[in-house]
Amino acid sequence: MNDTICRVPVARATGIRATGTRTASLGTVEARNAIRAEGFRALPEDIALWRFREVLTKLGASVTALPGSEIYLAMERGRIDATEYASPLLDESHKFYKLAKYYYFPGWHQSTAWNSLIMNKAAWNKLSEKQQNQIKLACRATVQRTMAETTPLQIDALERMKAGGDFEVKRFPDAFIQDVHKVWLEVLQENRAKYPLIDEAHESLRAHVARYAPWEELQALPPGLE
């Protein structure tokens, strides 16, 4: 752990719990075929998301980074064909559905999201135990509220956009997601030597998935009974 960064106490306060998924993209052209074609122009909202930009580039897209306030104008003027921004609730607020013809799921690049708080370790250590516990409690409350309220709000936003925009809500075919995953593994391998923290983060997430997998299997219902 970096001596200047406090990660563990506050991360444990949030529990690294899932708070919802991101969408894959909003686009003016169908992505499955176009993304492999020359000239497809895509905009990731956060290119730091596990080398998202590199995956898209390997798939044949030309990736551009823009401030969120400029995305709508860029799509309107045809400078980009698609954007990955956030979730239905936030995408709706930016009116992307007025321009996009297709809204893709799942968010393959970020299959879940979590709330976290990272702060300077020295500053954390200067807080009293009471103050630290107050921050931890606030983190837990934020995650719990988000998990309870986010999904219904996302569905509401999606339904409003479908009613107010001329676009299709689509899922990527399973075969396409598998192709993307293969490319992602290539990008992961290429970056492991350059960024040692990738291994630390990746192994931590894999261990977490392996830890709760038996419970998921025990609790799973037969198909059709959900």
Protein backbone atom coordinates (compact mmCIF):
# COMPACT_ATOMS: atom_id res chain seq x y z
CA MET A 1 0.00 0.00 0.00
CA ASN A 2 1.20 3.47 -0.83
CA ASP A 3 2.06 5.27 2.39
CA THR A 4 0.34 8.45 1.24
CA ILE A 5 -2.95 6.87 0.27
CA CYS A 6 -5.53 5.43 2.62
CA ARG A 7 -7.47 2.76 0.76
CA VAL A 8 -8.35 -0.09 3.08
CA PRO A 9 -10.36 1.48 5.92
CA VAL A 10 -12.70 3.44 3.68
CA ALA A 11 -12.89 0.79 1.00
CA ARG A 12 -13.99 -1.68 3.62
CA ALA A 13 -16.54 0.83 4.79
CA THR A 14 -18.15 0.78 1.37
CA GLY A 15 -17.74 -2.94 1.14
CA ILE A 16 -16.83 -2.70 -2.56
CA ARG A 17 -20.45 -3.51 -3.20
CA ALA A 18 -22.04 -3.39 -6.61
CA THR A 19 -24.27 -0.37 -7.18
CA GLY A 20 -25.36 -1.03 -10.76
CA THR A 21 -23.98 -1.58 -14.22
CA ARG A 22 -23.02 0.86 -16.94
CA THR A 23 -24.44 0.67 -20.41
CA ALA A 24 -22.18 -0.21 -23.32
CA SER A 25 -22.88 2.65 -25.72
CA LEU A 26 -25.30 4.99 -27.41
CA GLY A 27 -24.70 5.16 -31.13
CA THR A 28 -25.91 6.54 -34.42
CA VAL A 29 -24.88 3.32 -36.20
CA GLU A 30 -25.14 -0.33 -35.21
CA ALA A 31 -22.00 -1.17 -33.31
CA ARG A 32 -21.61 -4.90 -33.90
CA ASN A 33 -20.48 -4.55 -37.51
CA ALA A 34 -19.37 -0.92 -37.60
CA ILE A 35 -16.97 -1.18 -34.69
CA ARG A 36 -14.68 -3.38 -36.78
CA ALA A 37 -14.91 -1.13 -39.81
CA GLU A 38 -12.49 1.62 -40.71
CA GLY A 39 -13.51 5.04 -39.44
CA PHE A 40 -15.86 4.09 -36.61
CA ARG A 41 -15.48 6.90 -34.08
CA ALA A 42 -16.22 6.18 -30.46
CA LEU A 43 -15.99 8.20 -27.25
CA PRO A 44 -15.36 6.52 -23.90
CA GLU A 45 -16.41 8.70 -20.97
CA ASP A 46 -13.54 7.38 -18.88
CA ILE A 47 -10.64 5.88 -20.80
CA ALA A 48 -8.99 4.85 -17.55
CA LEU A 49 -11.56 2.08 -17.16
CA TRP A 50 -9.22 -0.90 -17.46
CA ARG A 51 -7.69 0.20 -20.75
CA PHE A 52 -11.13 0.57 -22.37
CA ARG A 53 -9.64 2.74 -25.07
CA GLU A 54 -7.10 0.09 -26.04
CA VAL A 55 -9.76 -2.59 -26.40
CA LEU A 56 -11.87 -0.42 -28.71
CA THR A 57 -8.82 0.54 -30.75
CA LYS A 58 -7.92 -3.12 -31.27
CA LEU A 59 -11.48 -3.70 -32.45
CA GLY A 60 -11.03 -1.05 -35.13
CA ALA A 61 -12.58 2.04 -33.55
CA SER A 62 -11.06 5.51 -33.50
CA VAL A 63 -11.39 6.62 -29.88
CA THR A 64 -11.68 10.24 -28.78
CA ALA A 65 -11.75 11.76 -25.30
CA LEU A 66 -14.04 14.76 -24.81
CA PRO A 67 -15.46 16.66 -21.83
CA GLY A 68 -18.96 15.49 -21.01
CA SER A 69 -20.38 18.88 -21.93
CA GLU A 70 -19.14 18.49 -25.52
CA ILE A 71 -20.42 14.99 -26.29
CA TYR A 72 -23.91 15.97 -27.48
CA LEU A 73 -22.57 18.57 -29.90
CA ALA A 74 -19.96 16.13 -31.22
CA MET A 75 -22.65 13.54 -31.96
CA GLU A 76 -24.96 16.15 -33.45
CA ARG A 77 -22.23 17.32 -35.84
CA GLY A 78 -21.17 13.80 -36.75
CA ARG A 79 -17.71 14.01 -35.20
CA ILE A 80 -18.35 10.78 -33.28
CA ASP A 81 -20.63 7.83 -34.04
CA ALA A 82 -21.13 6.62 -30.48
CA THR A 83 -20.44 7.41 -26.86
CA GLU A 84 -20.13 5.50 -23.62
CA TYR A 85 -21.13 7.83 -20.82
CA ALA A 86 -22.79 6.25 -17.82
CA SER A 87 -26.21 4.75 -17.11
CA PRO A 88 -29.75 5.43 -18.37
CA LEU A 89 -30.39 7.94 -15.59
CA LEU A 90 -27.36 10.05 -16.44
CA ASP A 91 -27.54 9.48 -20.19
CA GLU A 92 -31.13 10.75 -20.13
CA SER A 93 -30.08 13.99 -18.45
CA HIS A 94 -27.67 14.69 -21.34
CA LYS A 95 -30.37 13.99 -23.99
CA PHE A 96 -28.16 11.57 -25.94
CA TYR A 97 -31.27 9.57 -26.83
CA LYS A 98 -32.39 12.45 -29.05
CA LEU A 99 -29.49 11.66 -31.39
CA ALA A 100 -28.64 8.00 -30.86
CA LYS A 101 -30.48 5.29 -32.79
CA TYR A 102 -29.17 2.38 -30.71
CA TYR A 103 -28.65 1.85 -26.99
CA TYR A 104 -26.48 -1.16 -26.20
CA PHE A 105 -26.27 -3.49 -23.23
CA PRO A 106 -24.53 -4.99 -21.34
CA GLY A 107 -21.75 -2.66 -20.20
CA TRP A 108 -19.05 -5.20 -21.00
CA HIS A 109 -16.23 -2.87 -19.96
CA GLN A 110 -17.65 -2.28 -16.49
CA SER A 111 -20.07 -5.01 -15.51
CA THR A 112 -20.65 -3.44 -12.12
CA ALA A 113 -19.89 -0.23 -10.30
CA TRP A 114 -19.20 0.71 -6.72
CA ASN A 115 -19.02 3.80 -4.60
CA SER A 116 -15.65 4.41 -3.00
CA LEU A 117 -13.82 7.09 -1.07
CA ILE A 118 -10.05 7.46 -1.32
CA MET A 119 -8.22 9.95 0.83
CA ASN A 120 -4.72 10.84 1.96
CA LYS A 121 -3.59 8.35 4.60
CA ALA A 122 -1.95 11.00 6.75
CA ALA A 123 -5.17 13.05 6.74
CA TRP A 124 -7.15 9.92 7.65
CA ASN A 125 -4.86 9.17 10.58
CA LYS A 126 -5.32 12.70 11.91
CA LEU A 127 -9.05 12.14 12.32
CA SER A 128 -10.43 11.01 15.63
CA GLU A 129 -11.90 7.52 15.93
CA LYS A 130 -15.34 9.09 16.08
CA GLN A 131 -14.73 11.01 12.84
CA GLN A 132 -13.42 7.91 11.09
CA ASN A 133 -16.49 5.94 12.16
CA GLN A 134 -18.76 8.74 10.92
CA ILE A 135 -17.13 8.57 7.49
CA LYS A 136 -17.41 4.78 7.42
CA LEU A 137 -21.09 5.00 8.37
CA ALA A 138 -21.72 7.57 5.64
CA CYS A 139 -20.04 5.28 3.10
CA ARG A 140 -22.14 2.31 4.15
CA ALA A 141 -25.34 4.36 4.06
CA THR A 142 -24.50 5.67 0.58
CA VAL A 143 -23.95 2.17 -0.80
CA GLN A 144 -27.07 0.77 0.85
CA ARG A 145 -29.25 3.58 -0.46
CA THR A 146 -27.76 3.28 -3.94
CA MET A 147 -28.35 -0.48 -4.08
CA ALA A 148 -31.93 -0.04 -2.92
CA GLU A 149 -32.91 2.84 -5.24
CA THR A 150 -30.71 2.81 -8.34
CA THR A 151 -32.19 -0.04 -10.39
CA PRO A 152 -35.82 1.18 -10.35
CA LEU A 153 -34.62 4.68 -11.27
CA GLN A 154 -32.61 3.28 -14.19
CA ILE A 155 -35.65 1.41 -15.52
CA ASP A 156 -37.79 4.55 -15.20
CA ALA A 157 -35.22 6.57 -17.16
CA LEU A 158 -34.95 3.88 -19.84
CA GLU A 159 -38.72 3.84 -20.32
CA ARG A 160 -38.85 7.63 -20.60
CA MET A 161 -36.09 7.63 -23.21
CA LYS A 162 -37.81 4.90 -25.23
CA ALA A 163 -40.97 6.99 -25.22
CA GLY A 164 -39.17 10.23 -26.13
CA GLY A 165 -36.55 9.02 -28.58
CA ASP A 166 -36.43 7.12 -31.85
CA PHE A 167 -33.97 4.39 -30.96
CA GLU A 168 -33.71 0.68 -30.21
CA VAL A 169 -32.53 -0.84 -26.95
CA LYS A 170 -30.34 -3.78 -27.92
CA ARG A 171 -28.09 -6.42 -26.40
CA PHE A 172 -24.77 -7.37 -27.90
CA PRO A 173 -24.82 -11.00 -29.14
CA ASP A 174 -23.03 -13.42 -26.84
CA ALA A 175 -20.50 -14.22 -29.57
CA PHE A 176 -19.56 -10.55 -29.82
CA ILE A 177 -19.05 -10.27 -26.07
CA GLN A 178 -16.80 -13.33 -26.20
CA ASP A 179 -14.75 -11.70 -28.97
CA VAL A 180 -14.42 -8.54 -26.91
CA HIS A 181 -13.30 -10.57 -23.90
CA LYS A 182 -10.53 -12.17 -25.94
CA VAL A 183 -9.27 -8.73 -26.95
CA TRP A 184 -9.48 -7.55 -23.36
CA LEU A 185 -7.27 -10.45 -22.26
CA GLU A 186 -4.70 -9.34 -24.85
CA VAL A 187 -4.78 -5.79 -23.50
CA LEU A 188 -4.52 -7.05 -19.93
CA GLN A 189 -1.45 -9.10 -20.74
CA GLU A 190 0.21 -6.21 -22.59
CA ASN A 191 -0.25 -3.84 -19.65
CA ARG A 192 0.64 -6.09 -16.73
CA ALA A 193 4.35 -5.43 -16.97
CA LYS A 194 3.88 -1.68 -17.37
CA TYR A 195 1.42 -1.22 -14.51
CA PRO A 196 2.07 -3.56 -11.53
CA LEU A 197 -1.09 -2.41 -9.75
CA ILE A 198 -3.15 -4.11 -12.47
CA ASP A 199 -2.19 -7.52 -11.12
CA GLU A 200 -2.92 -6.47 -7.56
CA ALA A 201 -6.37 -5.15 -8.46
CA HIS A 202 -7.21 -7.97 -10.87
CA GLU A 203 -6.25 -10.74 -8.47
CA SER A 204 -8.17 -9.05 -5.65
CA LEU A 205 -11.33 -8.96 -7.76
CA ARG A 206 -10.87 -12.57 -8.93
CA ALA A 207 -10.44 -13.72 -5.34
CA HIS A 208 -13.59 -11.86 -4.33
CA VAL A 209 -15.59 -13.48 -7.16
CA ALA A 210 -14.28 -16.92 -6.23
CA ARG A 211 -15.18 -16.31 -2.59
CA TYR A 212 -18.87 -15.59 -3.18
CA ALA A 213 -19.38 -17.95 -6.15
CA PRO A 214 -20.38 -20.97 -3.98
CA TRP A 215 -23.11 -18.91 -2.33
CA GLU A 216 -24.43 -17.77 -5.71
CA GLU A 217 -24.55 -21.39 -6.87
CA LEU A 218 -26.38 -22.55 -3.77
CA GLN A 219 -28.95 -19.75 -4.06
CA ALA A 220 -29.52 -19.98 -7.83
CA LEU A 221 -33.04 -20.94 -8.90
CA PRO A 222 -33.82 -23.05 -11.98
CA PRO A 223 -34.32 -21.00 -15.19
CA GLY A 224 -37.81 -19.56 -15.45
CA LEU A 225 -38.47 -19.40 -11.72
CA GLU A 226 -36.88 -16.03 -11.03
